[in-house]
Structure formats: C-alpha cells, structure tokens
Amino acid sequence: MSFADDHTTHIINALTSINDPASRARAAGDMLNSIPALQRALREARQEAVLQMRAAGASHADVATELGITRSRAQGIAEGKSTAARKKATE
C-alpha cells in the first residue's frame, strides 16, 4: 500500500465513523471543499522536490526515471506547469 493509499484509507475510516449523518455529510463536504487547496499544496511540494533533485545535479531524464514519468513531464513539473492548466488551454 502506498503512502497516499494508507492516508486516504485513514481519512475515509475517520469520516465513516461519524455516526450522525448530518455531521458526516458536513465533514465530507468540508473535505471535498479543501481538495483544490490540497492539490495546490501537493503540486508545490512535488515541484520543490523536483527542483531539489535538479539542484543536486539530476537531469530531467534522471528525474523522470526516478519518478516513473516522462522527461517532458519532469521538466513541466520543474517549471510549475500542471496537467490541469494544459487541459484548460486545449478546451
């Protein structure tokens, strides 16, 4: 199980343990509303990690191999380009 899977399971278990349906629905709504901010923070954390790898001498190809992504995706992450932004531009 991955880091994300483990933490997601923990969050879902905590949510489903709320007995009162209204409280559970509010908590789920709060969590859903926080997703955009979470995604931004995760993108920034990933970009910072990639930039640290690059500063340590890794090429975009090295980063790509380490992360299991394409070289162009590694470069895009380093430059702060997101898949969401690319999708919006093509719509």
PDB file of N, CA and C in Angstrom:
ATOM      1  N   MET A   1       0.843  -1.175   0.000  1.00  0.00           N
ATOM      2  CA  MET A   1       0.000   0.000   0.000  1.00  0.00           C
ATOM      3  C   MET A   1       0.889   1.240   0.000  1.00  0.00           C
ATOM      4  N   SER A   2       0.552   2.221  -0.815  1.00  0.00           N
ATOM      5  CA  SER A   2       1.362   3.423  -0.917  1.00  0.00           C
ATOM      6  C   SER A   2       1.077   4.383   0.240  1.00  0.00           C
ATOM      7  N   PHE A   3       1.926   5.354   0.378  1.00  0.00           N
ATOM      8  CA  PHE A   3       1.754   6.404   1.382  1.00  0.00           C
ATOM      9  C   PHE A   3       0.379   7.049   1.239  1.00  0.00           C
ATOM     10  N   ALA A   4       0.021   7.418   0.010  1.00  0.00           N
ATOM     11  CA  ALA A   4      -1.268   8.078  -0.235  1.00  0.00           C
ATOM     12  C   ALA A   4      -2.437   7.151   0.074  1.00  0.00           C
ATOM     13  N   ASP A   5      -2.356   5.893  -0.355  1.00  0.00           N
ATOM     14  CA  ASP A   5      -3.435   4.938  -0.090  1.00  0.00           C
ATOM     15  C   ASP A   5      -3.663   4.763   1.407  1.00  0.00           C
ATOM     16  N   ASP A   6      -2.573   4.660   2.157  1.00  0.00           N
ATOM     17  CA  ASP A   6      -2.665   4.458   3.597  1.00  0.00           C
ATOM     18  C   ASP A   6      -3.352   5.650   4.271  1.00  0.00           C
ATOM     19  N   HIS A   7      -2.952   6.853   3.894  1.00  0.00           N
ATOM     20  CA  HIS A   7      -3.539   8.041   4.500  1.00  0.00           C
ATOM     21  C   HIS A   7      -4.977   8.267   4.040  1.00  0.00           C
ATOM     22  N   THR A   8      -5.267   7.966   2.795  1.00  0.00           N
ATOM     23  CA  THR A   8      -6.635   8.093   2.296  1.00  0.00           C
ATOM     24  C   THR A   8      -7.560   7.136   3.041  1.00  0.00           C
ATOM     25  N   THR A   9      -7.109   5.911   3.234  1.00  0.00           N
ATOM     26  CA  THR A   9      -7.901   4.932   3.974  1.00  0.00           C
ATOM     27  C   THR A   9      -8.175   5.421   5.390  1.00  0.00           C
ATOM     28  N   HIS A  10      -7.175   5.994   6.023  1.00  0.00           N
ATOM     29  CA  HIS A  10      -7.343   6.522   7.381  1.00  0.00           C
ATOM     30  C   HIS A  10      -8.399   7.631   7.396  1.00  0.00           C
ATOM     31  N   ILE A  11      -8.353   8.534   6.447  1.00  0.00           N
ATOM     32  CA  ILE A  11      -9.316   9.643   6.375  1.00  0.00           C
ATOM     33  C   ILE A  11     -10.726   9.120   6.123  1.00  0.00           C
ATOM     34  N   ILE A  12     -10.875   8.192   5.200  1.00  0.00           N
ATOM     35  CA  ILE A  12     -12.198   7.624   4.904  1.00  0.00           C
ATOM     36  C   ILE A  12     -12.745   6.889   6.117  1.00  0.00           C
ATOM     37  N   ASN A  13     -11.901   6.143   6.808  1.00  0.00           N
ATOM     38  CA  ASN A  13     -12.345   5.441   8.016  1.00  0.00           C
ATOM     39  C   ASN A  13     -12.804   6.425   9.088  1.00  0.00           C
ATOM     40  N   ALA A  14     -12.074   7.526   9.245  1.00  0.00           N
ATOM     41  CA  ALA A  14     -12.474   8.541  10.228  1.00  0.00           C
ATOM     42  C   ALA A  14     -13.810   9.158   9.836  1.00  0.00           C
ATOM     43  N   LEU A  15     -13.990   9.422   8.560  1.00  0.00           N
ATOM     44  CA  LEU A  15     -15.240  10.015   8.074  1.00  0.00           C
ATOM     45  C   LEU A  15     -16.418   9.064   8.292  1.00  0.00           C
ATOM     46  N   THR A  16     -16.245   7.821   7.917  1.00  0.00           N
ATOM     47  CA  THR A  16     -17.357   6.869   8.028  1.00  0.00           C
ATOM     48  C   THR A  16     -17.669   6.499   9.473  1.00  0.00           C
ATOM     49  N   SER A  17     -16.747   6.816  10.397  1.00  0.00           N
ATOM     50  CA  SER A  17     -17.014   6.525  11.808  1.00  0.00           C
ATOM     51  C   SER A  17     -17.894   7.588  12.475  1.00  0.00           C
ATOM     52  N   ILE A  18     -18.177   8.675  11.768  1.00  0.00           N
ATOM     53  CA  ILE A  18     -19.056   9.714  12.316  1.00  0.00           C
ATOM     54  C   ILE A  18     -20.485   9.181  12.255  1.00  0.00           C
ATOM     55  N   ASN A  19     -21.091   9.006  13.406  1.00  0.00           N
ATOM     56  CA  ASN A  19     -22.417   8.376  13.479  1.00  0.00           C
ATOM     57  C   ASN A  19     -23.542   9.254  12.956  1.00  0.00           C
ATOM     58  N   ASP A  20     -23.528  10.525  13.285  1.00  0.00           N
ATOM     59  CA  ASP A  20     -24.609  11.419  12.881  1.00  0.00           C
ATOM     60  C   ASP A  20     -24.506  11.702  11.382  1.00  0.00           C
ATOM     61  N   PRO A  21     -25.549  11.363  10.593  1.00  0.00           N
ATOM     62  CA  PRO A  21     -25.481  11.550   9.148  1.00  0.00           C
ATOM     63  C   PRO A  21     -25.242  13.000   8.733  1.00  0.00           C
ATOM     64  N   ALA A  22     -25.867  13.952   9.409  1.00  0.00           N
ATOM     65  CA  ALA A  22     -25.683  15.363   9.053  1.00  0.00           C
ATOM     66  C   ALA A  22     -24.238  15.790   9.310  1.00  0.00           C
ATOM     67  N   SER A  23     -23.697  15.368  10.431  1.00  0.00           N
ATOM     68  CA  SER A  23     -22.298  15.690  10.748  1.00  0.00           C
ATOM     69  C   SER A  23     -21.352  15.038   9.749  1.00  0.00           C
ATOM     70  N   ARG A  24     -21.654  13.790   9.385  1.00  0.00           N
ATOM     71  CA  ARG A  24     -20.829  13.074   8.406  1.00  0.00           C
ATOM     72  C   ARG A  24     -20.887  13.765   7.057  1.00  0.00           C
ATOM     73  N   ALA A  25     -22.092  14.210   6.648  1.00  0.00           N
ATOM     74  CA  ALA A  25     -22.248  14.908   5.362  1.00  0.00           C
ATOM     75  C   ALA A  25     -21.498  16.238   5.378  1.00  0.00           C
ATOM     76  N   ARG A  26     -21.578  16.977   6.487  1.00  0.00           N
ATOM     77  CA  ARG A  26     -20.849  18.250   6.597  1.00  0.00           C
ATOM     78  C   ARG A  26     -19.349  18.004   6.527  1.00  0.00           C
ATOM     79  N   ALA A  27     -18.883  16.999   7.228  1.00  0.00           N
ATOM     80  CA  ALA A  27     -17.453  16.683   7.222  1.00  0.00           C
ATOM     81  C   ALA A  27     -16.994  16.292   5.813  1.00  0.00           C
ATOM     82  N   ALA A  28     -17.797  15.501   5.125  1.00  0.00           N
ATOM     83  CA  ALA A  28     -17.453  15.116   3.751  1.00  0.00           C
ATOM     84  C   ALA A  28     -17.417  16.349   2.857  1.00  0.00           C
ATOM     85  N   GLY A  29     -18.381  17.231   3.012  1.00  0.00           N
ATOM     86  CA  GLY A  29     -18.407  18.465   2.225  1.00  0.00           C
ATOM     87  C   GLY A  29     -17.195  19.335   2.501  1.00  0.00           C
ATOM     88  N   ASP A  30     -16.829  19.461   3.780  1.00  0.00           N
ATOM     89  CA  ASP A  30     -15.635  20.231   4.136  1.00  0.00           C
ATOM     90  C   ASP A  30     -14.392  19.647   3.479  1.00  0.00           C
ATOM     91  N   MET A  31     -14.310  18.314   3.501  1.00  0.00           N
ATOM     92  CA  MET A  31     -13.156  17.656   2.898  1.00  0.00           C
ATOM     93  C   MET A  31     -13.128  17.879   1.383  1.00  0.00           C
ATOM     94  N   LEU A  32     -14.276  17.759   0.751  1.00  0.00           N
ATOM     95  CA  LEU A  32     -14.346  17.991  -0.698  1.00  0.00           C
ATOM     96  C   LEU A  32     -13.959  19.424  -1.041  1.00  0.00           C
ATOM     97  N   ASN A  33     -14.418  20.371  -0.231  1.00  0.00           N
ATOM     98  CA  ASN A  33     -14.098  21.779  -0.486  1.00  0.00           C
ATOM     99  C   ASN A  33     -12.621  22.090  -0.307  1.00  0.00           C
ATOM    100  N   SER A  34     -11.923  21.268   0.468  1.00  0.00           N
ATOM    101  CA  SER A  34     -10.499  21.510   0.707  1.00  0.00           C
ATOM    102  C   SER A  34      -9.601  20.910  -0.376  1.00  0.00           C
ATOM    103  N   ILE A  35     -10.171  20.142  -1.280  1.00  0.00           N
ATOM    104  CA  ILE A  35      -9.352  19.447  -2.283  1.00  0.00           C
ATOM    105  C   ILE A  35      -8.559  20.405  -3.177  1.00  0.00           C
ATOM    106  N   PRO A  36      -9.128  21.493  -3.696  1.00  0.00           N
ATOM    107  CA  PRO A  36      -8.305  22.380  -4.539  1.00  0.00           C
ATOM    108  C   PRO A  36      -7.060  22.912  -3.818  1.00  0.00           C
ATOM    109  N   ALA A  37      -7.212  23.307  -2.567  1.00  0.00           N
ATOM    110  CA  ALA A  37      -6.057  23.804  -1.809  1.00  0.00           C
ATOM    111  C   ALA A  37      -5.044  22.682  -1.581  1.00  0.00           C
ATOM    112  N   LEU A  38      -5.538  21.483  -1.314  1.00  0.00           N
ATOM    113  CA  LEU A  38      -4.656  20.334  -1.135  1.00  0.00           C
ATOM    114  C   LEU A  38      -3.889  20.037  -2.417  1.00  0.00           C
ATOM    115  N   GLN A  39      -4.586  20.083  -3.551  1.00  0.00           N
ATOM    116  CA  GLN A  39      -3.918  19.832  -4.828  1.00  0.00           C
ATOM    117  C   GLN A  39      -2.827  20.866  -5.095  1.00  0.00           C
ATOM    118  N   ARG A  40      -3.109  22.141  -4.811  1.00  0.00           N
ATOM    119  CA  ARG A  40      -2.095  23.189  -4.991  1.00  0.00           C
ATOM    120  C   ARG A  40      -0.877  22.910  -4.115  1.00  0.00           C
ATOM    121  N   ALA A  41      -1.122  22.587  -2.855  1.00  0.00           N
ATOM    122  CA  ALA A  41      -0.017  22.322  -1.925  1.00  0.00           C
ATOM    123  C   ALA A  41       0.799  21.107  -2.365  1.00  0.00           C
ATOM    124  N   LEU A  42       0.128  20.075  -2.848  1.00  0.00           N
ATOM    125  CA  LEU A  42       0.835  18.877  -3.313  1.00  0.00           C
ATOM    126  C   LEU A  42       1.658  19.170  -4.561  1.00  0.00           C
ATOM    127  N   ARG A  43       1.088  19.957  -5.501  1.00  0.00           N
ATOM    128  CA  ARG A  43       1.850  20.335  -6.700  1.00  0.00           C
ATOM    129  C   ARG A  43       3.096  21.126  -6.312  1.00  0.00           C
ATOM    130  N   GLU A  44       2.946  22.061  -5.362  1.00  0.00           N
ATOM    131  CA  GLU A  44       4.086  22.866  -4.924  1.00  0.00           C
ATOM    132  C   GLU A  44       5.139  21.999  -4.238  1.00  0.00           C
ATOM    133  N   ALA A  45       4.713  21.053  -3.415  1.00  0.00           N
ATOM    134  CA  ALA A  45       5.655  20.157  -2.736  1.00  0.00           C
ATOM    135  C   ALA A  45       6.400  19.293  -3.750  1.00  0.00           C
ATOM    136  N   ARG A  46       5.666  18.798  -4.754  1.00  0.00           N
ATOM    137  CA  ARG A  46       6.303  17.976  -5.789  1.00  0.00           C
ATOM    138  C   ARG A  46       7.293  18.812  -6.595  1.00  0.00           C
ATOM    139  N   GLN A  47       6.898  20.030  -6.966  1.00  0.00           N
ATOM    140  CA  GLN A  47       7.797  20.894  -7.727  1.00  0.00           C
ATOM    141  C   GLN A  47       9.065  21.181  -6.929  1.00  0.00           C
ATOM    142  N   GLU A  48       8.922  21.496  -5.657  1.00  0.00           N
ATOM    143  CA  GLU A  48      10.080  21.771  -4.813  1.00  0.00           C
ATOM    144  C   GLU A  48      11.008  20.557  -4.745  1.00  0.00           C
ATOM    145  N   ALA A  49      10.443  19.368  -4.628  1.00  0.00           N
ATOM    146  CA  ALA A  49      11.262  18.152  -4.585  1.00  0.00           C
ATOM    147  C   ALA A  49      12.003  17.952  -5.904  1.00  0.00           C
ATOM    148  N   VAL A  50      11.326  18.179  -7.014  1.00  0.00           N
ATOM    149  CA  VAL A  50      11.970  18.037  -8.329  1.00  0.00           C
ATOM    150  C   VAL A  50      13.068  19.087  -8.486  1.00  0.00           C
ATOM    151  N   LEU A  51      12.802  20.307  -8.047  1.00  0.00           N
ATOM    152  CA  LEU A  51      13.826  21.348  -8.139  1.00  0.00           C
ATOM    153  C   LEU A  51      15.038  21.003  -7.266  1.00  0.00           C
ATOM    154  N   GLN A  52      14.809  20.382  -6.123  1.00  0.00           N
ATOM    155  CA  GLN A  52      15.927  19.943  -5.279  1.00  0.00           C
ATOM    156  C   GLN A  52      16.729  18.850  -5.972  1.00  0.00           C
ATOM    157  N   MET A  53      16.039  17.946  -6.647  1.00  0.00           N
ATOM    158  CA  MET A  53      16.735  16.894  -7.400  1.00  0.00           C
ATOM    159  C   MET A  53      17.584  17.525  -8.505  1.00  0.00           C
ATOM    160  N   ARG A  54      17.008  18.518  -9.184  1.00  0.00           N
ATOM    161  CA  ARG A  54      17.737  19.191 -10.263  1.00  0.00           C
ATOM    162  C   ARG A  54      18.947  19.946  -9.704  1.00  0.00           C
ATOM    163  N   ALA A  55      18.767  20.625  -8.568  1.00  0.00           N
ATOM    164  CA  ALA A  55      19.866  21.373  -7.956  1.00  0.00           C
ATOM    165  C   ALA A  55      20.995  20.446  -7.520  1.00  0.00           C
ATOM    166  N   ALA A  56      20.651  19.205  -7.215  1.00  0.00           N
ATOM    167  CA  ALA A  56      21.655  18.215  -6.813  1.00  0.00           C
ATOM    168  C   ALA A  56      22.348  17.583  -8.019  1.00  0.00           C
ATOM    169  N   GLY A  57      21.959  18.022  -9.224  1.00  0.00           N
ATOM    170  CA  GLY A  57      22.641  17.557 -10.425  1.00  0.00           C
ATOM    171  C   GLY A  57      21.865  16.602 -11.305  1.00  0.00           C
ATOM    172  N   ALA A  58      20.645  16.250 -10.926  1.00  0.00           N
ATOM    173  CA  ALA A  58      19.846  15.331 -11.747  1.00  0.00           C
ATOM    174  C   ALA A  58      19.323  16.056 -12.983  1.00  0.00           C
ATOM    175  N   SER A  59      19.379  15.375 -14.103  1.00  0.00           N
ATOM    176  CA  SER A  59      18.792  15.922 -15.335  1.00  0.00           C
ATOM    177  C   SER A  59      17.284  15.662 -15.308  1.00  0.00           C
ATOM    178  N   HIS A  60      16.573  16.290 -16.245  1.00  0.00           N
ATOM    179  CA  HIS A  60      15.142  15.998 -16.348  1.00  0.00           C
ATOM    180  C   HIS A  60      14.928  14.509 -16.625  1.00  0.00           C
ATOM    181  N   ALA A  61      15.797  13.909 -17.414  1.00  0.00           N
ATOM    182  CA  ALA A  61      15.699  12.473 -17.705  1.00  0.00           C
ATOM    183  C   ALA A  61      15.927  11.653 -16.438  1.00  0.00           C
ATOM    184  N   ASP A  62      16.894  12.057 -15.621  1.00  0.00           N
ATOM    185  CA  ASP A  62      17.145  11.362 -14.353  1.00  0.00           C
ATOM    186  C   ASP A  62      15.921  11.437 -13.433  1.00  0.00           C
ATOM    187  N   VAL A  63      15.346  12.632 -13.336  1.00  0.00           N
ATOM    188  CA  VAL A  63      14.156  12.833 -12.505  1.00  0.00           C
ATOM    189  C   VAL A  63      13.024  11.951 -13.030  1.00  0.00           C
ATOM    190  N   ALA A  64      12.850  11.956 -14.341  1.00  0.00           N
ATOM    191  CA  ALA A  64      11.780  11.167 -14.959  1.00  0.00           C
ATOM    192  C   ALA A  64      11.930   9.684 -14.628  1.00  0.00           C
ATOM    193  N   THR A  65      13.121   9.172 -14.755  1.00  0.00           N
ATOM    194  CA  THR A  65      13.373   7.765 -14.455  1.00  0.00           C
ATOM    195  C   THR A  65      13.063   7.463 -12.993  1.00  0.00           C
ATOM    196  N   GLU A  66      13.519   8.319 -12.110  1.00  0.00           N
ATOM    197  CA  GLU A  66      13.305   8.125 -10.672  1.00  0.00           C
ATOM    198  C   GLU A  66      11.822   8.150 -10.306  1.00  0.00           C
ATOM    199  N   LEU A  67      11.050   9.031 -10.959  1.00  0.00           N
ATOM    200  CA  LEU A  67       9.635   9.187 -10.623  1.00  0.00           C
ATOM    201  C   LEU A  67       8.695   8.346 -11.491  1.00  0.00           C
ATOM    202  N   GLY A  68       9.239   7.712 -12.520  1.00  0.00           N
ATOM    203  CA  GLY A  68       8.401   6.890 -13.399  1.00  0.00           C
ATOM    204  C   GLY A  68       7.490   7.712 -14.295  1.00  0.00           C
ATOM    205  N   ILE A  69       7.987   8.861 -14.746  1.00  0.00           N
ATOM    206  CA  ILE A  69       7.232   9.747 -15.635  1.00  0.00           C
ATOM    207  C   ILE A  69       8.084  10.057 -16.858  1.00  0.00           C
ATOM    208  N   THR A  70       7.533  10.781 -17.812  1.00  0.00           N
ATOM    209  CA  THR A  70       8.313  11.144 -18.996  1.00  0.00           C
ATOM    210  C   THR A  70       9.233  12.318 -18.680  1.00  0.00           C
ATOM    211  N   ARG A  71      10.260  12.452 -19.504  1.00  0.00           N
ATOM    212  CA  ARG A  71      11.190  13.565 -19.329  1.00  0.00           C
ATOM    213  C   ARG A  71      10.479  14.900 -19.480  1.00  0.00           C
ATOM    214  N   SER A  72       9.568  14.997 -20.448  1.00  0.00           N
ATOM    215  CA  SER A  72       8.859  16.260 -20.639  1.00  0.00           C
ATOM    216  C   SER A  72       7.953  16.572 -19.443  1.00  0.00           C
ATOM    217  N   ARG A  73       7.391  15.544 -18.821  1.00  0.00           N
ATOM    218  CA  ARG A  73       6.559  15.766 -17.628  1.00  0.00           C
ATOM    219  C   ARG A  73       7.432  16.234 -16.465  1.00  0.00           C
ATOM    220  N   ALA A  74       8.621  15.640 -16.309  1.00  0.00           N
ATOM    221  CA  ALA A  74       9.546  16.075 -15.260  1.00  0.00           C
ATOM    222  C   ALA A  74       9.932  17.537 -15.457  1.00  0.00           C
ATOM    223  N   GLN A  75      10.183  17.921 -16.698  1.00  0.00           N
ATOM    224  CA  GLN A  75      10.514  19.313 -16.993  1.00  0.00           C
ATOM    225  C   GLN A  75       9.328  20.219 -16.678  1.00  0.00           C
ATOM    226  N   GLY A  76       8.128  19.786 -17.062  1.00  0.00           N
ATOM    227  CA  GLY A  76       6.924  20.572 -16.785  1.00  0.00           C
ATOM    228  C   GLY A  76       6.704  20.773 -15.294  1.00  0.00           C
ATOM    229  N   ILE A  77       6.926  19.743 -14.513  1.00  0.00           N
ATOM    230  CA  ILE A  77       6.778  19.861 -13.061  1.00  0.00           C
ATOM    231  C   ILE A  77       7.789  20.870 -12.521  1.00  0.00           C
ATOM    232  N   ALA A  78       9.031  20.778 -12.985  1.00  0.00           N
ATOM    233  CA  ALA A  78      10.069  21.710 -12.533  1.00  0.00           C
ATOM    234  C   ALA A  78       9.700  23.153 -12.876  1.00  0.00           C
ATOM    235  N   GLU A  79       9.030  23.335 -14.007  1.00  0.00           N
ATOM    236  CA  GLU A  79       8.637  24.675 -14.452  1.00  0.00           C
ATOM    237  C   GLU A  79       7.294  25.120 -13.868  1.00  0.00           C
ATOM    238  N   GLY A  80       6.664  24.265 -13.081  1.00  0.00           N
ATOM    239  CA  GLY A  80       5.397  24.629 -12.459  1.00  0.00           C
ATOM    240  C   GLY A  80       4.193  24.495 -13.361  1.00  0.00           C
ATOM    241  N   LYS A  81       4.341  23.749 -14.434  1.00  0.00           N
ATOM    242  CA  LYS A  81       3.221  23.524 -15.357  1.00  0.00           C
ATOM    243  C   LYS A  81       2.414  22.332 -14.861  1.00  0.00           C
ATOM    244  N   SER A  82       1.094  22.481 -14.807  1.00  0.00           N
ATOM    245  CA  SER A  82       0.246  21.387 -14.335  1.00  0.00           C
ATOM    246  C   SER A  82      -0.559  20.815 -15.484  1.00  0.00           C
ATOM    247  N   THR A  83      -0.947  19.571 -15.337  1.00  0.00           N
ATOM    248  CA  THR A  83      -1.804  18.923 -16.324  1.00  0.00           C
ATOM    249  C   THR A  83      -3.127  19.659 -16.437  1.00  0.00           C
ATOM    250  N   ALA A  84      -3.671  20.125 -15.309  1.00  0.00           N
ATOM    251  CA  ALA A  84      -4.952  20.843 -15.313  1.00  0.00           C
ATOM    252  C   ALA A  84      -4.866  22.097 -16.165  1.00  0.00           C
ATOM    253  N   ALA A  85      -3.765  22.818 -16.064  1.00  0.00           N
ATOM    254  CA  ALA A  85      -3.604  24.043 -16.847  1.00  0.00           C
ATOM    255  C   ALA A  85      -3.533  23.717 -18.338  1.00  0.00           C
ATOM    256  N   ARG A  86      -2.845  22.625 -18.687  1.00  0.00           N
ATOM    257  CA  ARG A  86      -2.756  22.242 -20.096  1.00  0.00           C
ATOM    258  C   ARG A  86      -4.104  21.827 -20.627  1.00  0.00           C
ATOM    259  N   LYS A  87      -4.896  21.089 -19.824  1.00  0.00           N
ATOM    260  CA  LYS A  87      -6.209  20.653 -20.274  1.00  0.00           C
ATOM    261  C   LYS A  87      -7.122  21.839 -20.515  1.00  0.00           C
ATOM    262  N   LYS A  88      -7.102  22.842 -19.630  1.00  0.00           N
ATOM    263  CA  LYS A  88      -7.939  24.022 -19.785  1.00  0.00           C
ATOM    264  C   LYS A  88      -7.571  24.777 -21.056  1.00  0.00           C
ATOM    265  N   ALA A  89      -6.271  24.840 -21.360  1.00  0.00           N
ATOM    266  CA  ALA A  89      -5.815  25.578 -22.522  1.00  0.00           C
ATOM    267  C   ALA A  89      -6.280  24.936 -23.825  1.00  0.00           C
ATOM    268  N   THR A  90      -6.483  23.622 -23.814  1.00  0.00           N
ATOM    269  CA  THR A  90      -6.876  22.932 -25.039  1.00  0.00           C
ATOM    270  C   THR A  90      -8.387  22.810 -25.177  1.00  0.00           C
ATOM    271  N   GLU A  91      -9.140  23.185 -24.164  1.00  0.00           N
ATOM    272  CA  GLU A  91     -10.601  23.057 -24.227  1.00  0.00           C
ATOM    273  C   GLU A  91     -11.215  24.227 -24.959  1.00  0.00           C
TER     274      GLU A  91
END
